[in-house]
Amino acid sequence: MLIKKPYLIAEIGINHNGDLDLAKKLIDIAIENKFDAVKFQKRDIETVYSQEILDTPRQSPWGTTTREQKYGLEFGKAEYDQIDSYCKLNNIAWSASPWDLDSLQFLDQYDLPYIKMPSAHLTNDELLAACRDTGKKVILSTGMSTVEEIEHAVDVLRSNGGCDFALLHCNSTYPA
C-alpha cells in the first residue's frame, strides 16, 4: 500500500498582527517544521464589516476603534508582494482565504496553488462560484456548517464545469 505524505498547511491567518517581520518568522517556523504551505486571510475591511461595527470603540495598538484595529491587522499589496517573494525564495507555497470578492480578485494576481474558502463563507454562493471560476483548487472549510449547507456548497463547486476541491473538516471553536 502506498501511503502519501499529507499536505501540511500552516495557518497564519492574521496572527502576524500586521507585522511583516512576524509573518516572515511564522513562515520560517512552518519551513523548519516541514510544512508545505502557509495560509493567510485577506479581507476588504469596508466590505466585510458594517460601518456600525467599524465605528465601535476598541482599544488596540492601532487606535481606538474597531476600524483602526482591523486595518492594522490587514496586509496590502506591498506586504503580499514581499510574502510572495519570501515564500518563493524559501520554496514554500502560500495562499490566503478571501473573505469577499474584492479580496479574491486581489489574490488572483498571485500564482497561488489553491484558494482556501473560509467556513464563515461556506454559504456565500457568489464567493464560492467565483473561487470555483478561478480554475485553482479550492479547499472548503466546513466548520459551523450543517450537512445540507455543505452539500449545497459542493453543488456550487461542481456546477458550471466544476473545479478540483477538497472538504476540510475543521473545528471552529477556539482554542481547538
Protein backbone atom coordinates (compact mmCIF):
# COMPACT_ATOMS: atom_id res chain seq x y z
CA MET A 1 0.00 0.00 0.00
CA LEU A 2 1.35 3.41 -0.99
CA ILE A 3 0.99 5.98 1.77
CA LYS A 4 1.35 9.56 0.66
CA LYS A 5 2.68 12.28 2.89
CA PRO A 6 -0.15 14.65 3.87
CA TYR A 7 -0.02 18.19 2.52
CA LEU A 8 0.56 20.37 5.57
CA ILE A 9 -0.69 23.96 5.64
CA ALA A 10 0.40 26.24 8.49
CA GLU A 11 -2.41 28.63 9.44
CA ILE A 12 -1.00 32.13 9.89
CA GLY A 13 -4.28 33.95 9.29
CA ILE A 14 -3.87 37.36 10.90
CA ASN A 15 -1.63 36.04 13.69
CA HIS A 16 1.13 38.23 12.25
CA ASN A 17 -0.59 41.16 14.00
CA GLY A 18 0.02 43.39 10.98
CA ASP A 19 3.80 42.93 11.31
CA LEU A 20 5.59 41.68 8.19
CA ASP A 21 8.67 40.61 10.17
CA LEU A 22 6.47 38.47 12.43
CA ALA A 23 4.78 36.99 9.32
CA LYS A 24 8.21 36.01 7.99
CA LYS A 25 9.12 34.43 11.35
CA LEU A 26 5.91 32.40 11.22
CA ILE A 27 6.77 31.32 7.67
CA ASP A 28 10.24 30.30 8.90
CA ILE A 29 8.70 28.19 11.67
CA ALA A 30 6.47 26.46 9.10
CA ILE A 31 9.52 25.75 6.95
CA GLU A 32 11.51 24.41 9.92
CA ASN A 33 8.62 22.06 10.70
CA LYS A 34 8.42 20.82 7.11
CA PHE A 35 5.06 22.35 6.20
CA ASP A 36 4.21 22.51 2.50
CA ALA A 37 2.39 25.85 2.61
CA VAL A 38 1.35 28.78 4.77
CA LYS A 39 -2.05 30.44 4.68
CA PHE A 40 -3.13 33.98 5.46
CA GLN A 41 -6.52 35.76 5.39
CA LYS A 42 -7.49 38.65 3.13
CA ARG A 43 -10.41 40.98 3.74
CA ASP A 44 -11.67 44.22 2.29
CA ILE A 45 -12.47 45.81 5.65
CA GLU A 46 -15.17 48.17 4.36
CA THR A 47 -16.93 45.29 2.56
CA VAL A 48 -16.75 42.62 5.25
CA TYR A 49 -17.73 44.76 8.26
CA SER A 50 -20.62 47.18 8.71
CA GLN A 51 -19.91 50.85 9.38
CA GLU A 52 -21.62 50.39 12.76
CA ILE A 53 -19.17 47.64 13.76
CA LEU A 54 -16.15 49.52 12.38
CA ASP A 55 -17.09 52.64 14.36
CA THR A 56 -17.34 50.84 17.71
CA PRO A 57 -14.77 51.76 20.35
CA ARG A 58 -11.92 49.28 20.69
CA GLN A 59 -8.53 49.85 22.26
CA SER A 60 -5.73 48.28 20.27
CA PRO A 61 -2.12 49.04 19.31
CA TRP A 62 -3.53 50.66 16.13
CA GLY A 63 -6.03 53.06 17.68
CA THR A 64 -9.33 53.37 19.49
CA THR A 65 -11.89 51.93 17.04
CA THR A 66 -12.59 48.53 15.55
CA ARG A 67 -11.85 50.07 12.11
CA GLU A 68 -8.33 51.05 13.18
CA GLN A 69 -7.75 47.60 14.67
CA LYS A 70 -8.98 45.79 11.55
CA TYR A 71 -6.89 47.96 9.21
CA GLY A 72 -3.87 47.48 11.48
CA LEU A 73 -4.12 43.71 11.06
CA GLU A 74 -4.69 43.72 7.29
CA PHE A 75 -1.84 43.37 4.81
CA GLY A 76 -1.97 45.15 1.46
CA LYS A 77 -0.18 44.76 -1.86
CA ALA A 78 3.28 45.78 -0.62
CA GLU A 79 3.19 43.19 2.17
CA TYR A 80 1.75 40.42 0.00
CA ASP A 81 4.37 41.13 -2.67
CA GLN A 82 7.03 40.59 -0.01
CA ILE A 83 5.30 37.44 1.29
CA ASP A 84 5.13 36.12 -2.27
CA SER A 85 8.84 36.78 -2.83
CA TYR A 86 9.83 35.42 0.58
CA CYS A 87 7.90 32.20 0.08
CA LYS A 88 9.31 31.69 -3.43
CA LEU A 89 12.84 32.31 -2.13
CA ASN A 90 12.29 29.75 0.64
CA ASN A 91 10.47 27.19 -1.52
CA ILE A 92 7.18 27.13 0.39
CA ALA A 93 3.75 27.67 -1.12
CA TRP A 94 1.36 30.26 0.24
CA SER A 95 -2.28 31.21 -0.09
CA ALA A 96 -4.95 33.20 1.70
CA SER A 97 -8.63 32.88 2.47
CA PRO A 98 -10.59 35.60 0.66
CA TRP A 99 -13.50 36.94 2.71
CA ASP A 100 -15.04 38.86 -0.19
CA LEU A 101 -14.95 39.18 -3.98
CA ASP A 102 -12.51 42.12 -3.98
CA SER A 103 -10.07 40.10 -1.87
CA LEU A 104 -10.39 37.12 -4.22
CA GLN A 105 -9.66 39.40 -7.17
CA PHE A 106 -6.67 40.84 -5.27
CA LEU A 107 -5.29 37.35 -4.57
CA ASP A 108 -5.76 36.28 -8.19
CA GLN A 109 -2.71 38.37 -9.16
CA TYR A 110 -0.51 35.80 -7.39
CA ASP A 111 0.26 32.26 -8.54
CA LEU A 112 -1.46 30.58 -5.60
CA PRO A 113 -1.73 26.77 -5.60
CA TYR A 114 -5.21 26.83 -4.05
CA ILE A 115 -7.93 29.07 -2.65
CA LYS A 116 -8.98 28.27 0.91
CA MET A 117 -12.63 29.17 1.36
CA PRO A 118 -13.31 30.24 4.97
CA SER A 119 -16.02 28.31 6.80
CA ALA A 120 -17.78 31.58 7.62
CA HIS A 121 -18.50 31.95 3.89
CA LEU A 122 -19.46 28.38 3.03
CA THR A 123 -23.00 29.68 2.35
CA ASN A 124 -21.82 32.59 0.18
CA ASP A 125 -22.74 31.19 -3.25
CA GLU A 126 -21.35 34.20 -5.12
CA LEU A 127 -17.92 33.86 -3.49
CA LEU A 128 -17.97 30.06 -3.85
CA ALA A 129 -18.73 30.36 -7.58
CA ALA A 130 -16.03 32.99 -8.03
CA CYS A 131 -13.48 30.75 -6.27
CA ARG A 132 -14.56 27.84 -8.49
CA ASP A 133 -14.16 30.01 -11.59
CA THR A 134 -10.51 30.91 -10.80
CA GLY A 135 -9.51 27.46 -12.07
CA LYS A 136 -7.49 26.91 -8.89
CA LYS A 137 -8.04 24.11 -6.42
CA VAL A 138 -10.48 25.08 -3.67
CA ILE A 139 -10.22 23.93 -0.08
CA LEU A 140 -13.58 24.37 1.58
CA SER A 141 -13.74 24.62 5.37
CA THR A 142 -16.88 23.19 6.90
CA GLY A 143 -16.80 24.49 10.48
CA MET A 144 -20.16 25.55 11.93
CA SER A 145 -21.94 24.17 8.85
CA THR A 146 -24.84 21.78 8.53
CA VAL A 147 -24.70 18.76 6.25
CA GLU A 148 -27.25 20.49 3.98
CA GLU A 149 -25.09 23.62 3.72
CA ILE A 150 -22.03 21.52 2.89
CA GLU A 151 -23.94 19.58 0.23
CA HIS A 152 -25.16 22.84 -1.31
CA ALA A 153 -21.63 24.29 -1.35
CA VAL A 154 -20.37 21.13 -3.05
CA ASP A 155 -23.13 21.51 -5.65
CA VAL A 156 -21.97 25.08 -6.33
CA LEU A 157 -18.35 23.94 -6.70
CA ARG A 158 -19.40 21.15 -9.08
CA SER A 159 -21.63 23.37 -11.24
CA ASN A 160 -20.58 25.12 -14.49
CA GLY A 161 -17.81 22.64 -15.21
CA GLY A 162 -16.77 22.43 -11.58
CA CYS A 163 -13.33 22.63 -10.07
CA ASP A 164 -10.87 20.48 -8.17
CA PHE A 165 -11.82 20.84 -4.49
CA ALA A 166 -11.39 19.25 -1.09
CA LEU A 167 -13.54 19.43 2.01
CA LEU A 168 -11.74 20.35 5.20
CA HIS A 169 -13.31 19.27 8.43
CA CYS A 170 -12.42 21.94 10.94
CA ASN A 171 -13.21 22.91 14.48
CA SER A 172 -14.50 26.48 14.66
CA THR A 173 -14.33 26.71 18.43
CA TYR A 174 -11.05 28.14 19.64
CA PRO A 175 -8.87 27.02 21.15
CA ALA A 176 -9.40 23.74 19.31
